[in-house]
Amino acid sequence: MIPNFSNFSQDFDFGLDSKGVYYAETGRSFVNPILHDGKAYLEDLIDSCTHETLHYCLDDEDLRLDEKHEEWIIEILSKINEYL
């Protein structure tokens, strides 16, 4: 099933303790731009935005994934781009 992105929002939050977080209860995610650094700053920031968006895409009651499995799937999906 294709996710309904009208129920999803993503914002920057400079006060987060992590690079990003997704809240399944509200369909909202936040990314902290300050915690991304180095030569690949923009790429890392985009990766975090994508990572949190994928949490939303995998947030489906029919999938019944635990957090560890969900993180594993997101890691695999993020590596696909390296091989294309």
Protein backbone atom coordinates (compact mmCIF):
# COMPACT_ATOMS: atom_id res chain seq x y z
CA MET A 1 0.00 0.00 0.00
CA ILE A 2 1.24 3.48 -0.85
CA PRO A 3 1.51 5.73 2.24
CA ASN A 4 -0.74 8.77 2.48
CA PHE A 5 1.78 11.58 2.88
CA SER A 6 -0.90 14.09 3.80
CA ASN A 7 -0.68 12.52 7.28
CA PHE A 8 3.11 12.98 7.49
CA SER A 9 5.15 16.03 8.39
CA GLN A 10 8.86 16.62 8.83
CA ASP A 11 10.52 19.63 10.41
CA PHE A 12 13.89 20.73 11.69
CA ASP A 13 14.38 20.76 15.46
CA PHE A 14 17.66 22.24 16.67
CA GLY A 15 17.10 20.97 20.21
CA LEU A 16 17.05 17.22 19.49
CA ASP A 17 19.63 14.97 21.12
CA SER A 18 19.78 12.79 18.01
CA LYS A 19 20.03 13.38 14.26
CA GLY A 20 16.38 12.53 13.78
CA VAL A 21 13.28 11.07 15.36
CA TYR A 22 9.93 9.79 14.11
CA TYR A 23 6.75 9.74 16.20
CA ALA A 24 4.36 7.06 14.95
CA GLU A 25 1.53 8.37 17.13
CA THR A 26 1.38 11.65 15.22
CA GLY A 27 3.09 10.83 11.89
CA ARG A 28 5.63 13.59 12.54
CA SER A 29 9.39 13.48 12.25
CA PHE A 30 12.08 15.92 13.24
CA VAL A 31 15.69 16.24 12.05
CA ASN A 32 18.40 18.21 13.84
CA PRO A 33 20.65 19.92 11.24
CA ILE A 34 23.26 20.88 13.87
CA LEU A 35 24.24 17.25 14.52
CA HIS A 36 25.14 16.68 10.85
CA ASP A 37 28.68 17.71 10.01
CA GLY A 38 31.71 16.99 7.93
CA LYS A 39 32.41 17.11 4.21
CA ALA A 40 29.24 15.20 3.44
CA TYR A 41 26.99 17.49 5.51
CA LEU A 42 24.21 17.84 2.96
CA GLU A 43 24.27 14.15 2.05
CA ASP A 44 24.10 13.18 5.74
CA LEU A 45 21.22 15.60 6.32
CA ILE A 46 19.29 14.21 3.35
CA ASP A 47 19.98 10.66 4.56
CA SER A 48 18.47 11.50 7.95
CA CYS A 49 15.39 13.05 6.34
CA THR A 50 15.01 9.95 4.16
CA HIS A 51 15.56 7.65 7.14
CA GLU A 52 12.78 9.28 9.16
CA THR A 53 10.46 9.30 6.11
CA LEU A 54 11.04 5.56 5.67
CA HIS A 55 9.95 5.05 9.28
CA TYR A 56 6.64 6.60 8.28
CA CYS A 57 6.40 4.42 5.16
CA LEU A 58 6.99 1.27 7.22
CA ASP A 59 4.56 2.34 9.94
CA ASP A 60 1.79 -0.04 8.87
CA GLU A 61 -0.18 -2.24 11.24
CA ASP A 62 -0.23 -5.04 8.66
CA LEU A 63 3.60 -5.21 8.60
CA ARG A 64 3.92 -5.68 12.38
CA LEU A 65 7.62 -4.81 12.53
CA ASP A 66 9.54 -4.28 15.73
CA GLU A 67 11.98 -1.36 15.91
CA LYS A 68 15.06 -3.51 15.29
CA HIS A 69 13.61 -5.08 12.14
CA GLU A 70 12.44 -1.69 10.89
CA GLU A 71 15.94 -0.23 11.35
CA TRP A 72 17.44 -3.21 9.50
CA ILE A 73 15.09 -2.69 6.51
CA ILE A 74 15.90 1.04 6.41
CA GLU A 75 19.63 0.26 6.50
CA ILE A 76 19.26 -2.12 3.54
CA LEU A 77 17.22 0.43 1.59
CA SER A 78 19.80 3.14 2.25
CA LYS A 79 22.59 0.93 0.87
CA ILE A 80 20.75 0.25 -2.39
CA ASN A 81 21.65 3.71 -3.72
CA GLU A 82 25.36 2.87 -3.42
CA TYR A 83 24.95 -0.01 -5.86
CA LEU A 84 22.84 1.76 -8.49
